[in-house]
Amino acid sequence: MDQYELVRTAHRVYGKNISELAKMTSHSRNTIKKAIRGEPWGYKERQHQPFPVLGQYLAIINGWLENDREAPKKQRHTARRIYNRLVEEHGYDGGESTIRRYVNMARIGLGLGISKAFIPCDPQAGYEGEVDWGTATAVIGGSRVRLKFFCMRSKYSGKHFVRFYPCERQQAFFDAHIHAFEFFGGVFPVLIYDNLTTAVQKVMRGKGRIEQDGFIKFRAYYSIDARFCNPASGNEKGGVEGLVGFARRNYMVPVPEAESLAELNEKVFKQCLIYGNHKMNGRELRVSELYEEEKKHLLPLPNAVFSNVQTHDGRADKYATVIVDKNRYSVPYRYTGCKMKVLLRVDQVEIFCAGKKLATHERSYGNNKWSLDPDHYLELIQQRPMAFNSARPIRRWREIWPESLNLLLKSFTTAQGETKGIKDFISVLMLYREHSADELEAAVDLALENNIRTSDGVRHILIYANDTGVDIVPLENRPSLPPPDVTVYGQLGGVI
């Protein structure tokens, strides 16, 4: 490097010619010319890499690699396999490293095995959103359950929405969109999906898709342009793919607990609202600030919410239940055999007969689950009191009703006998129709304290509970009355 500097300085500053510089440095004239032209010293990459040892094998290797275009990805030649085949089939005696260098270069030329490259993007505000589902465990009402959670994320702001459901059915899919649009304050004109069966009936070649009829109606209602990823290409909506993991790590660790699914969704909703006090890479504004700007560009919400209700026709069977979606829901027993109209919502089932609403149940998912309202069977059980202890609606109810009702039942059967006692106790249960649970259970406690053993006594407590002028006196504490005067009966004859 010292002589390089000497040559250039002597030529440019002092006007020495090439011959003089060659004599001074003992370098050839060509070397002096390179130094004057400014070419750097050291190693220079070859323009062409020769493979003299592989000369006679190049056509063979290229043929194998060309054929790999049609072969499954996991059944293509590796450099090791090419080396072994050349040794075994063609007597190659060169090194494996030479094979590896050439195969790497040849694959690039043929477009095989090239690492995926990504295009840096700058999304348009309020234009694209991404959708995906995830799976997590939660404790609902004391029971550990497996739930699905819906995720929607804005590509521009990074703001996201998460909501739990028991399943990924189409009704849940639509309901999640409706809540997400309300959360964002508008509708994304373009939404990017996997090839979900709730949206896609059949995946065609290329970008072609046959969509589900229900999904076509839904996206037409909200003016959504649906774009579907290529199969096994989750990177095409990488933002929401990352959100699924983020939500699981941040919203579901430790395992969330709630009394109901609605309570759990409310907790997660609040966490989604406060998310956004950070900046994404390459952005000057925080997520929450980008989100406020984005609202202006979203499509407005429709005047009316999409009717996400399915209707079914059914008939009440001999158990006074209507089978809907492979599960049973009870109606009052006197409607057994009647035709029913069922409105099926994502979280609720409403049953009608001749336009009259008979029952509302929380929707069950799965198969052969029974949703029974004990009130629908009370008159029937009162007619058949010996079925009381084995009746499924009563057995389920007894698991959650207060202990005071068990004590009252025991008191009734002790005083009146088992059959009459059960019938009279059912009359007490019917009082739930007219009074709140707190009022009735307070009356039951008062009846137990005062040794009242009939339903009429409990009913009177409820009637006069707010009357301060009425005192409840146990029978054994009632005031004694004077003995009757029987002599007056003798006067009756004269009166006649």
Protein backbone atom coordinates (compact mmCIF):
# COMPACT_ATOMS: atom_id res chain seq x y z
CA MET A 1 0.00 0.00 0.00
CA ASP A 2 2.97 2.36 0.62
CA GLN A 3 4.25 1.85 -2.95
CA TYR A 4 0.70 2.30 -4.29
CA GLU A 5 0.62 5.73 -2.69
CA LEU A 6 4.17 6.47 -3.94
CA VAL A 7 3.31 5.60 -7.54
CA ARG A 8 0.11 7.66 -7.63
CA THR A 9 1.66 10.70 -5.93
CA ALA A 10 4.84 10.63 -8.10
CA HIS A 11 2.75 10.44 -11.28
CA ARG A 12 -0.02 12.91 -10.39
CA VAL A 13 2.00 15.46 -8.42
CA TYR A 14 5.55 15.24 -9.76
CA GLY A 15 4.84 14.14 -13.34
CA LYS A 16 6.90 10.92 -13.35
CA ASN A 17 6.16 8.69 -16.34
CA ILE A 18 5.45 4.96 -16.36
CA SER A 19 9.03 3.93 -17.29
CA GLU A 20 10.55 6.01 -14.49
CA LEU A 21 8.11 4.64 -11.95
CA ALA A 22 8.77 1.04 -13.07
CA LYS A 23 12.54 1.53 -12.52
CA MET A 24 11.94 3.22 -9.11
CA THR A 25 9.64 0.47 -7.73
CA SER A 26 10.83 -2.61 -9.67
CA HIS A 27 7.20 -3.27 -10.68
CA SER A 28 6.12 -4.09 -14.21
CA ARG A 29 4.69 -1.40 -16.45
CA ASN A 30 1.25 -3.09 -16.31
CA THR A 31 1.24 -2.95 -12.51
CA ILE A 32 2.17 0.76 -12.63
CA LYS A 33 -0.67 1.39 -15.12
CA LYS A 34 -3.19 -0.34 -12.80
CA ALA A 35 -2.08 1.80 -9.88
CA ILE A 36 -2.40 5.00 -11.95
CA ARG A 37 -5.89 4.01 -13.19
CA GLY A 38 -6.92 3.68 -9.55
CA GLU A 39 -7.68 -0.07 -9.50
CA PRO A 40 -7.56 -1.41 -5.92
CA TRP A 41 -5.05 -3.95 -4.85
CA GLY A 42 -5.96 -7.37 -3.57
CA TYR A 43 -8.42 -10.12 -4.51
CA LYS A 44 -10.86 -9.58 -7.37
CA GLU A 45 -13.93 -11.78 -7.89
CA ARG A 46 -13.75 -13.84 -11.04
CA GLN A 47 -16.22 -13.02 -13.74
CA HIS A 48 -16.52 -16.70 -14.56
CA GLN A 49 -15.94 -19.61 -12.22
CA PRO A 50 -14.57 -22.61 -14.12
CA PHE A 51 -15.18 -26.20 -12.93
CA PRO A 52 -12.55 -28.20 -14.83
CA VAL A 53 -13.10 -31.40 -12.82
CA LEU A 54 -16.87 -31.30 -13.41
CA GLY A 55 -16.61 -30.54 -17.12
CA GLN A 56 -17.94 -33.88 -18.34
CA TYR A 57 -20.59 -34.05 -15.58
CA LEU A 58 -22.17 -30.60 -15.94
CA ALA A 59 -24.82 -31.72 -18.44
CA ILE A 60 -25.79 -34.62 -16.17
CA ILE A 61 -26.13 -32.38 -13.09
CA ASN A 62 -28.11 -29.77 -15.02
CA GLY A 63 -30.47 -32.46 -16.30
CA TRP A 64 -31.17 -33.73 -12.80
CA LEU A 65 -31.86 -30.23 -11.54
CA GLU A 66 -34.15 -29.46 -14.48
CA ASN A 67 -36.18 -32.61 -13.77
CA ASP A 68 -36.56 -31.48 -10.15
CA ARG A 69 -38.88 -28.74 -11.35
CA GLU A 70 -41.65 -31.33 -11.73
CA ALA A 71 -40.77 -33.31 -8.61
CA PRO A 72 -42.33 -32.72 -5.15
CA LYS A 73 -40.33 -30.25 -3.06
CA LYS A 74 -39.38 -32.88 -0.51
CA GLN A 75 -38.19 -35.30 -3.20
CA ARG A 76 -35.68 -33.16 -5.05
CA HIS A 77 -31.92 -33.66 -5.34
CA THR A 78 -29.68 -32.34 -2.62
CA ALA A 79 -25.99 -31.62 -3.30
CA ARG A 80 -25.12 -34.72 -1.26
CA ARG A 81 -27.47 -36.90 -3.31
CA ILE A 82 -26.00 -35.55 -6.58
CA TYR A 83 -22.48 -36.29 -5.33
CA ASN A 84 -23.42 -39.85 -4.33
CA ARG A 85 -25.10 -40.55 -7.69
CA LEU A 86 -22.11 -39.23 -9.64
CA VAL A 87 -19.78 -41.46 -7.65
CA GLU A 88 -21.99 -44.56 -7.91
CA GLU A 89 -23.32 -44.18 -11.47
CA HIS A 90 -20.61 -42.22 -13.31
CA GLY A 91 -17.34 -42.87 -11.46
CA TYR A 92 -16.80 -39.29 -10.30
CA ASP A 93 -13.60 -38.99 -8.25
CA GLY A 94 -13.66 -35.28 -7.34
CA GLY A 95 -14.57 -33.61 -4.05
CA GLU A 96 -18.05 -33.08 -2.66
CA SER A 97 -17.35 -29.38 -1.94
CA THR A 98 -16.93 -28.78 -5.69
CA ILE A 99 -20.37 -30.32 -6.27
CA ARG A 100 -21.88 -28.12 -3.57
CA ARG A 101 -20.48 -24.90 -5.03
CA TYR A 102 -21.72 -25.68 -8.50
CA VAL A 103 -25.19 -26.88 -7.38
CA ASN A 104 -25.75 -23.64 -5.44
CA MET A 105 -24.89 -21.57 -8.52
CA ALA A 106 -26.94 -23.77 -10.87
CA ARG A 107 -30.06 -23.59 -8.67
CA ILE A 108 -29.97 -19.80 -8.69
CA GLY A 109 -29.74 -19.85 -12.47
CA LEU A 110 -32.67 -22.27 -12.74
CA GLY A 111 -34.77 -20.48 -10.10
CA LEU A 112 -34.78 -23.47 -7.75
CA GLY A 113 -34.43 -23.19 -3.99
CA ILE A 114 -34.28 -19.39 -3.90
CA SER A 115 -35.05 -17.93 -0.48
CA LYS A 116 -38.31 -15.97 -0.33
CA ALA A 117 -37.93 -12.22 -0.53
CA PHE A 118 -40.42 -9.70 0.83
CA ILE A 119 -41.49 -6.32 -0.51
CA PRO A 120 -41.50 -3.43 1.97
CA CYS A 121 -45.00 -1.90 1.93
CA ASP A 122 -46.61 1.29 3.13
CA PRO A 123 -50.33 0.45 3.60
CA GLN A 124 -53.06 2.92 2.74
CA ALA A 125 -55.06 4.34 5.66
CA GLY A 126 -58.42 2.69 6.21
CA TYR A 127 -58.11 0.38 3.24
CA GLU A 128 -57.01 -3.12 4.23
CA GLY A 129 -57.67 -5.31 7.24
CA GLU A 130 -56.56 -8.86 8.05
CA VAL A 131 -58.62 -11.64 9.65
CA ASP A 132 -57.68 -14.89 11.38
CA TRP A 133 -58.73 -17.32 14.13
CA GLY A 134 -56.76 -18.65 17.10
CA THR A 135 -57.35 -21.24 19.83
CA ALA A 136 -56.90 -20.84 23.59
CA THR A 137 -58.03 -22.26 26.94
CA ALA A 138 -60.10 -20.32 29.48
CA VAL A 139 -61.99 -21.03 32.70
CA ILE A 140 -65.68 -20.17 32.28
CA GLY A 141 -67.99 -20.57 35.26
CA GLY A 142 -65.38 -22.73 37.00
CA SER A 143 -64.96 -25.12 34.06
CA ARG A 144 -61.90 -25.28 31.84
CA VAL A 145 -62.96 -24.96 28.20
CA ARG A 146 -61.30 -24.71 24.81
CA LEU A 147 -62.33 -21.57 22.93
CA LYS A 148 -61.76 -19.97 19.54
CA PHE A 149 -60.82 -16.32 19.32
CA PHE A 150 -61.39 -14.08 16.32
CA CYS A 151 -58.76 -11.48 15.35
CA MET A 152 -59.05 -8.50 13.01
CA ARG A 153 -56.11 -6.13 12.48
CA SER A 154 -55.65 -2.94 10.51
CA LYS A 155 -52.68 -3.10 8.15
CA TYR A 156 -52.21 0.67 8.36
CA SER A 157 -52.50 1.50 12.06
CA GLY A 158 -51.86 -1.91 13.63
CA LYS A 159 -54.93 -1.49 15.87
CA HIS A 160 -56.60 -4.82 16.55
CA PHE A 161 -59.79 -6.46 17.82
CA VAL A 162 -60.09 -9.84 19.60
CA ARG A 163 -63.25 -11.72 20.63
CA PHE A 164 -63.93 -15.24 21.97
CA TYR A 165 -66.44 -17.79 20.65
CA PRO A 166 -67.21 -21.45 21.37
CA CYS A 167 -66.64 -22.35 17.70
CA GLU A 168 -65.69 -21.04 14.23
CA ARG A 169 -69.07 -21.53 12.59
CA GLN A 170 -70.37 -19.07 10.03
CA GLN A 171 -72.72 -17.33 12.46
CA ALA A 172 -69.84 -16.75 14.89
CA PHE A 173 -67.71 -15.59 11.96
CA PHE A 174 -70.30 -12.98 10.94
CA ASP A 175 -71.01 -11.91 14.54
CA ALA A 176 -67.29 -11.33 15.10
CA HIS A 177 -67.12 -9.10 12.02
CA ILE A 178 -70.13 -7.08 13.21
CA HIS A 179 -68.53 -6.43 16.62
CA ALA A 180 -65.17 -5.67 14.99
CA PHE A 181 -66.70 -3.07 12.64
CA GLU A 182 -68.37 -1.40 15.62
CA PHE A 183 -65.02 -1.41 17.44
CA PHE A 184 -63.14 0.20 14.54
CA GLY A 185 -65.95 2.63 13.84
CA GLY A 186 -66.30 1.60 10.20
CA VAL A 187 -65.67 -1.08 7.60
CA PHE A 188 -62.41 -1.92 5.81
CA PRO A 189 -63.04 -1.95 2.04
CA VAL A 190 -60.63 -4.88 1.68
CA LEU A 191 -60.27 -7.81 4.08
CA ILE A 192 -57.62 -10.52 3.71
CA TYR A 193 -58.49 -14.10 4.75
CA ASP A 194 -57.21 -17.63 4.80
CA ASN A 195 -59.28 -20.07 2.78
CA LEU A 196 -61.80 -20.52 5.60
CA THR A 197 -64.60 -23.02 4.99
CA THR A 198 -67.03 -20.46 6.45
CA ALA A 199 -66.16 -18.18 3.53
CA VAL A 200 -64.79 -20.42 0.76
CA GLN A 201 -66.64 -23.40 -0.65
CA LYS A 202 -63.89 -24.44 -3.07
CA VAL A 203 -60.35 -23.25 -3.86
CA MET A 204 -59.76 -23.03 -7.60
CA ARG A 205 -56.52 -22.71 -9.53
CA GLY A 206 -54.67 -19.46 -8.91
CA LYS A 207 -56.76 -16.78 -7.20
CA GLY A 208 -60.11 -18.27 -8.15
CA ARG A 209 -62.48 -19.12 -5.29
CA ILE A 210 -66.08 -20.35 -5.08
CA GLU A 211 -67.45 -18.53 -2.04
CA GLN A 212 -70.16 -19.67 0.36
CA ASP A 213 -73.59 -18.17 -0.40
CA GLY A 214 -73.95 -16.76 3.11
CA PHE A 215 -70.54 -15.09 2.91
CA ILE A 216 -71.38 -13.53 -0.45
CA LYS A 217 -74.51 -11.96 1.08
CA PHE A 218 -72.59 -10.75 4.13
CA ARG A 219 -69.74 -9.05 2.27
CA ALA A 220 -72.21 -7.57 -0.24
CA TYR A 221 -74.15 -6.03 2.66
CA TYR A 222 -71.00 -4.38 4.04
CA SER A 223 -69.40 -3.70 0.60
CA ILE A 224 -66.31 -5.75 1.40
CA ASP A 225 -63.79 -6.93 -1.19
CA ALA A 226 -62.51 -10.29 0.10
CA ARG A 227 -58.99 -11.39 -0.80
CA PHE A 228 -57.83 -14.90 -0.02
CA CYS A 229 -54.26 -16.00 0.60
CA ASN A 230 -52.60 -18.72 -1.42
CA PRO A 231 -52.83 -22.10 0.34
CA ALA A 232 -50.17 -22.52 3.07
CA SER A 233 -49.10 -18.87 2.69
CA GLY A 234 -49.91 -17.28 6.02
CA ASN A 235 -47.11 -14.77 5.44
CA GLU A 236 -49.45 -12.97 3.04
CA LYS A 237 -51.28 -11.70 6.14
CA GLY A 238 -48.36 -11.78 8.53
CA GLY A 239 -49.67 -8.95 10.69
CA VAL A 240 -52.71 -10.84 11.94
CA GLU A 241 -50.71 -14.08 12.15
CA GLY A 242 -48.48 -12.28 14.63
CA LEU A 243 -51.55 -10.88 16.40
CA VAL A 244 -52.83 -14.39 17.15
CA GLY A 245 -49.62 -15.14 19.06
CA PHE A 246 -49.53 -11.69 20.69
CA ALA A 247 -53.12 -12.01 21.93
CA ARG A 248 -52.49 -15.48 23.32
CA ARG A 249 -49.33 -14.38 25.18
CA ASN A 250 -50.71 -11.09 26.50
CA TYR A 251 -54.45 -11.52 26.95
CA MET A 252 -54.52 -15.22 27.86
CA VAL A 253 -51.55 -15.59 30.21
CA PRO A 254 -52.31 -16.55 32.93
CA VAL A 255 -55.30 -18.59 31.78
CA PRO A 256 -58.24 -16.11 31.90
CA GLU A 257 -61.16 -16.76 34.24
CA ALA A 258 -64.70 -15.40 34.02
CA GLU A 259 -68.23 -16.32 35.04
CA SER A 260 -69.44 -16.19 31.44
CA LEU A 261 -68.19 -15.81 27.90
CA ALA A 262 -69.71 -12.32 27.79
CA GLU A 263 -67.66 -11.28 30.82
CA LEU A 264 -64.47 -12.65 29.26
CA ASN A 265 -65.13 -10.77 26.01
CA GLU A 266 -65.70 -7.56 27.96
CA LYS A 267 -62.28 -7.92 29.63
CA VAL A 268 -60.52 -8.51 26.31
CA PHE A 269 -62.45 -5.64 24.69
CA LYS A 270 -61.08 -3.21 27.28
CA GLN A 271 -57.54 -4.47 26.66
CA CYS A 272 -57.97 -3.92 22.91
CA LEU A 273 -59.17 -0.35 23.56
CA ILE A 274 -56.06 0.64 25.53
CA TYR A 275 -53.63 -1.07 23.13
CA GLY A 276 -51.62 1.28 20.97
CA ASN A 277 -49.27 3.40 23.11
CA HIS A 278 -46.25 2.40 21.05
CA LYS A 279 -44.78 3.00 17.61
CA MET A 280 -44.40 0.37 14.92
CA ASN A 281 -41.11 0.11 13.06
CA GLY A 282 -40.77 2.82 10.44
CA ARG A 283 -43.72 4.88 11.75
CA GLU A 284 -43.51 8.33 13.32
CA LEU A 285 -46.90 8.20 15.07
CA ARG A 286 -48.17 5.83 17.75
CA VAL A 287 -50.67 3.09 16.90
CA SER A 288 -53.49 4.92 18.68
CA GLU A 289 -52.72 8.12 16.75
CA LEU A 290 -52.69 6.26 13.42
CA TYR A 291 -55.97 4.62 14.42
CA GLU A 292 -57.66 7.99 15.03
CA GLU A 293 -56.49 9.16 11.61
CA GLU A 294 -57.65 5.94 9.97
CA LYS A 295 -61.25 6.26 11.17
CA LYS A 296 -61.83 9.04 8.65
CA HIS A 297 -61.08 6.71 5.73
CA LEU A 298 -63.19 3.67 6.67
CA LEU A 299 -66.49 2.89 4.98
CA PRO A 300 -69.43 4.02 7.17
CA LEU A 301 -71.44 1.40 9.05
CA PRO A 302 -74.84 0.51 7.53
CA ASN A 303 -77.94 2.02 9.14
CA ALA A 304 -79.06 -1.44 10.27
CA VAL A 305 -76.92 -4.32 11.50
CA PHE A 306 -76.74 -7.43 9.31
CA SER A 307 -79.42 -9.92 10.38
CA ASN A 308 -77.28 -12.77 11.61
CA VAL A 309 -80.22 -15.05 12.48
CA GLN A 310 -81.04 -18.51 11.16
CA THR A 311 -84.61 -19.85 11.18
CA HIS A 312 -85.61 -23.47 11.64
CA ASP A 313 -88.87 -25.38 11.75
CA GLY A 314 -89.31 -28.04 14.40
CA ARG A 315 -91.77 -29.93 16.58
CA ALA A 316 -91.86 -30.45 20.33
CA ASP A 317 -91.25 -34.16 21.01
CA LYS A 318 -92.49 -36.34 23.88
CA TYR A 319 -89.88 -34.84 26.22
CA ALA A 320 -91.23 -31.32 25.49
CA THR A 321 -87.99 -30.45 23.71
CA VAL A 322 -87.23 -29.15 20.23
CA ILE A 323 -84.15 -30.53 18.48
CA VAL A 324 -82.09 -27.77 16.86
CA ASP A 325 -78.60 -28.27 15.45
CA LYS A 326 -78.35 -31.70 17.16
CA ASN A 327 -79.18 -30.29 20.61
CA ARG A 328 -82.43 -30.18 22.62
CA TYR A 329 -84.21 -27.12 24.03
CA SER A 330 -87.27 -27.34 26.28
CA VAL A 331 -90.70 -25.71 25.90
CA PRO A 332 -93.72 -25.81 28.30
CA TYR A 333 -94.90 -29.43 28.43
CA ARG A 334 -98.46 -28.62 27.29
CA TYR A 335 -97.07 -27.76 23.82
CA THR A 336 -95.83 -31.32 23.27
CA GLY A 337 -96.42 -32.33 19.65
CA CYS A 338 -96.93 -28.78 18.38
CA LYS A 339 -95.04 -27.25 15.46
CA MET A 340 -92.39 -24.70 16.41
CA LYS A 341 -90.49 -21.87 14.72
CA VAL A 342 -86.94 -21.44 16.00
CA LEU A 343 -84.74 -18.34 15.71
CA LEU A 344 -81.12 -19.39 16.06
CA ARG A 345 -78.65 -16.68 17.05
CA VAL A 346 -74.95 -17.08 17.74
CA ASP A 347 -75.52 -17.10 21.52
CA GLN A 348 -79.26 -17.60 21.93
CA VAL A 349 -82.17 -19.80 20.83
CA GLU A 350 -85.72 -18.45 20.75
CA ILE A 351 -88.67 -20.81 20.25
CA PHE A 352 -92.13 -19.69 19.02
CA CYS A 353 -95.48 -21.40 18.50
CA ALA A 354 -98.15 -19.64 16.43
CA GLY A 355 -96.29 -16.36 16.87
CA LYS A 356 -96.03 -16.66 20.67
CA LYS A 357 -92.60 -16.86 22.24
CA LEU A 358 -92.44 -19.93 24.46
CA ALA A 359 -88.80 -20.14 25.50
CA THR A 360 -85.40 -18.48 25.30
CA HIS A 361 -82.27 -20.57 25.90
CA GLU A 362 -78.56 -19.97 25.84
CA ARG A 363 -77.27 -21.69 22.72
CA SER A 364 -75.41 -24.97 23.16
CA TYR A 365 -72.62 -26.19 20.88
CA GLY A 366 -71.68 -29.80 20.35
CA ASN A 367 -74.03 -32.77 20.06
CA ASN A 368 -76.86 -34.20 22.18
CA LYS A 369 -76.84 -31.47 24.83
CA TRP A 370 -80.06 -30.78 26.75
CA SER A 371 -81.04 -27.23 27.72
CA LEU A 372 -83.99 -27.70 30.10
CA ASP A 373 -85.93 -24.99 31.91
CA PRO A 374 -87.39 -26.61 35.08
CA ASP A 375 -90.34 -24.21 34.99
CA HIS A 376 -91.53 -25.92 31.79
CA TYR A 377 -92.11 -29.18 33.70
CA LEU A 378 -93.40 -28.14 37.16
CA GLU A 379 -97.14 -28.83 36.56
CA LEU A 380 -96.29 -32.18 34.96
CA ILE A 381 -94.07 -33.21 37.87
CA GLN A 382 -96.76 -32.05 40.32
CA GLN A 383 -99.11 -34.52 38.67
CA ARG A 384 -96.47 -37.26 39.05
CA PRO A 385 -94.70 -36.40 42.34
CA MET A 386 -92.83 -39.72 42.53
CA ALA A 387 -90.78 -38.59 39.49
CA PHE A 388 -89.55 -35.50 41.37
CA ASN A 389 -86.22 -36.90 42.58
CA SER A 390 -85.28 -38.45 39.23
CA ALA A 391 -86.53 -35.67 36.93
CA ARG A 392 -83.56 -34.32 34.99
CA PRO A 393 -84.68 -30.65 35.10
CA ILE A 394 -85.08 -30.83 38.89
CA ARG A 395 -81.81 -32.69 39.46
CA ARG A 396 -79.91 -30.02 37.51
CA TRP A 397 -81.73 -27.24 39.32
CA ARG A 398 -80.98 -28.73 42.76
CA GLU A 399 -77.28 -28.48 42.02
CA ILE A 400 -77.48 -24.68 42.05
CA TRP A 401 -80.51 -23.72 44.15
CA PRO A 402 -79.99 -22.53 47.79
CA GLU A 403 -79.82 -25.01 50.65
CA SER A 404 -82.88 -23.39 52.22
CA LEU A 405 -85.07 -25.00 49.53
CA ASN A 406 -83.79 -28.45 50.46
CA LEU A 407 -84.62 -27.74 54.12
CA LEU A 408 -88.09 -26.51 53.15
CA LEU A 409 -88.70 -29.67 51.07
CA LYS A 410 -87.70 -31.84 54.03
CA SER A 411 -90.00 -29.83 56.31
CA PHE A 412 -92.94 -30.23 53.91
CA THR A 413 -92.53 -33.99 53.46
CA THR A 414 -92.14 -34.52 57.23
CA ALA A 415 -95.32 -32.58 58.01
CA GLN A 416 -97.51 -33.67 55.06
CA GLY A 417 -96.05 -36.95 53.89
CA GLU A 418 -93.84 -37.49 50.85
CA THR A 419 -96.44 -37.26 48.07
CA LYS A 420 -98.41 -34.27 49.40
CA GLY A 421 -95.23 -32.60 50.64
CA ILE A 422 -93.60 -32.76 47.19
CA LYS A 423 -96.75 -31.45 45.48
CA ASP A 424 -96.98 -28.55 47.92
CA PHE A 425 -93.24 -27.82 47.58
CA ILE A 426 -93.63 -27.59 43.79
CA SER A 427 -96.25 -24.91 44.41
CA VAL A 428 -93.51 -22.96 46.19
CA LEU A 429 -91.20 -23.40 43.17
CA MET A 430 -93.96 -21.99 40.96
CA LEU A 431 -93.77 -18.75 42.95
CA TYR A 432 -90.52 -17.98 41.09
CA ARG A 433 -92.78 -16.99 38.15
CA GLU A 434 -94.28 -14.10 40.11
CA HIS A 435 -91.45 -13.06 42.43
CA SER A 436 -87.74 -12.50 42.17
CA ALA A 437 -85.32 -15.09 43.47
CA ASP A 438 -84.21 -12.82 46.32
CA GLU A 439 -87.79 -12.21 47.48
CA LEU A 440 -88.80 -15.87 47.38
CA GLU A 441 -85.63 -17.15 49.06
CA ALA A 442 -86.03 -14.54 51.83
CA ALA A 443 -89.62 -15.75 52.33
CA VAL A 444 -88.41 -19.38 52.49
CA ASP A 445 -85.86 -18.44 55.17
CA LEU A 446 -88.58 -16.71 57.17
CA ALA A 447 -90.89 -19.71 56.79
CA LEU A 448 -88.18 -22.04 58.12
CA GLU A 449 -87.53 -19.75 61.08
CA ASN A 450 -91.22 -19.75 61.99
CA ASN A 451 -91.84 -23.45 61.29
CA ILE A 452 -94.31 -22.75 58.45
CA ARG A 453 -94.86 -25.98 56.50
CA THR A 454 -97.28 -25.14 53.70
CA SER A 455 -97.00 -23.28 50.42
CA ASP A 456 -99.90 -21.06 51.49
CA GLY A 457 -97.83 -19.87 54.41
CA VAL A 458 -94.91 -18.98 52.12
CA ARG A 459 -97.31 -17.23 49.73
CA HIS A 460 -98.76 -15.13 52.56
CA ILE A 461 -95.28 -14.12 53.66
CA LEU A 462 -94.63 -12.87 50.13
CA ILE A 463 -97.98 -11.05 49.99
CA TYR A 464 -97.58 -9.29 53.32
CA ALA A 465 -93.78 -8.97 53.31
CA ASN A 466 -93.95 -5.19 52.91
CA ASP A 467 -96.88 -4.69 55.31
CA THR A 468 -95.38 -3.55 58.64
CA GLY A 469 -98.73 -4.00 60.44
CA VAL A 470 -98.75 -7.78 60.00
CA ASP A 471 -96.78 -10.03 62.35
CA ILE A 472 -95.95 -13.63 61.59
CA VAL A 473 -96.59 -15.84 64.61
CA PRO A 474 -95.66 -19.55 64.72
CA LEU A 475 -98.59 -21.87 65.45
CA GLU A 476 -97.10 -23.12 68.72
CA ASN A 477 -96.81 -19.52 69.93
CA ARG A 478 -100.38 -18.44 69.05
CA PRO A 479 -102.34 -16.88 71.99
CA SER A 480 -104.72 -19.22 73.89
CA LEU A 481 -108.45 -18.59 73.51
CA PRO A 482 -111.10 -19.00 76.29
CA PRO A 483 -113.15 -22.25 76.17
CA PRO A 484 -116.47 -21.94 74.30
CA ASP A 485 -119.79 -21.52 76.17
CA VAL A 486 -121.84 -24.56 75.07
CA THR A 487 -124.99 -23.45 76.94
CA VAL A 488 -125.87 -21.06 74.17
CA TYR A 489 -126.65 -23.99 71.88
CA GLY A 490 -129.73 -24.76 73.99
CA GLN A 491 -131.22 -21.44 73.09
CA LEU A 492 -131.20 -22.21 69.40
CA GLY A 493 -134.38 -24.31 69.61
CA GLY A 494 -136.41 -21.43 70.96
CA VAL A 495 -135.16 -19.21 68.21
CA ILE A 496 -136.34 -21.67 65.57
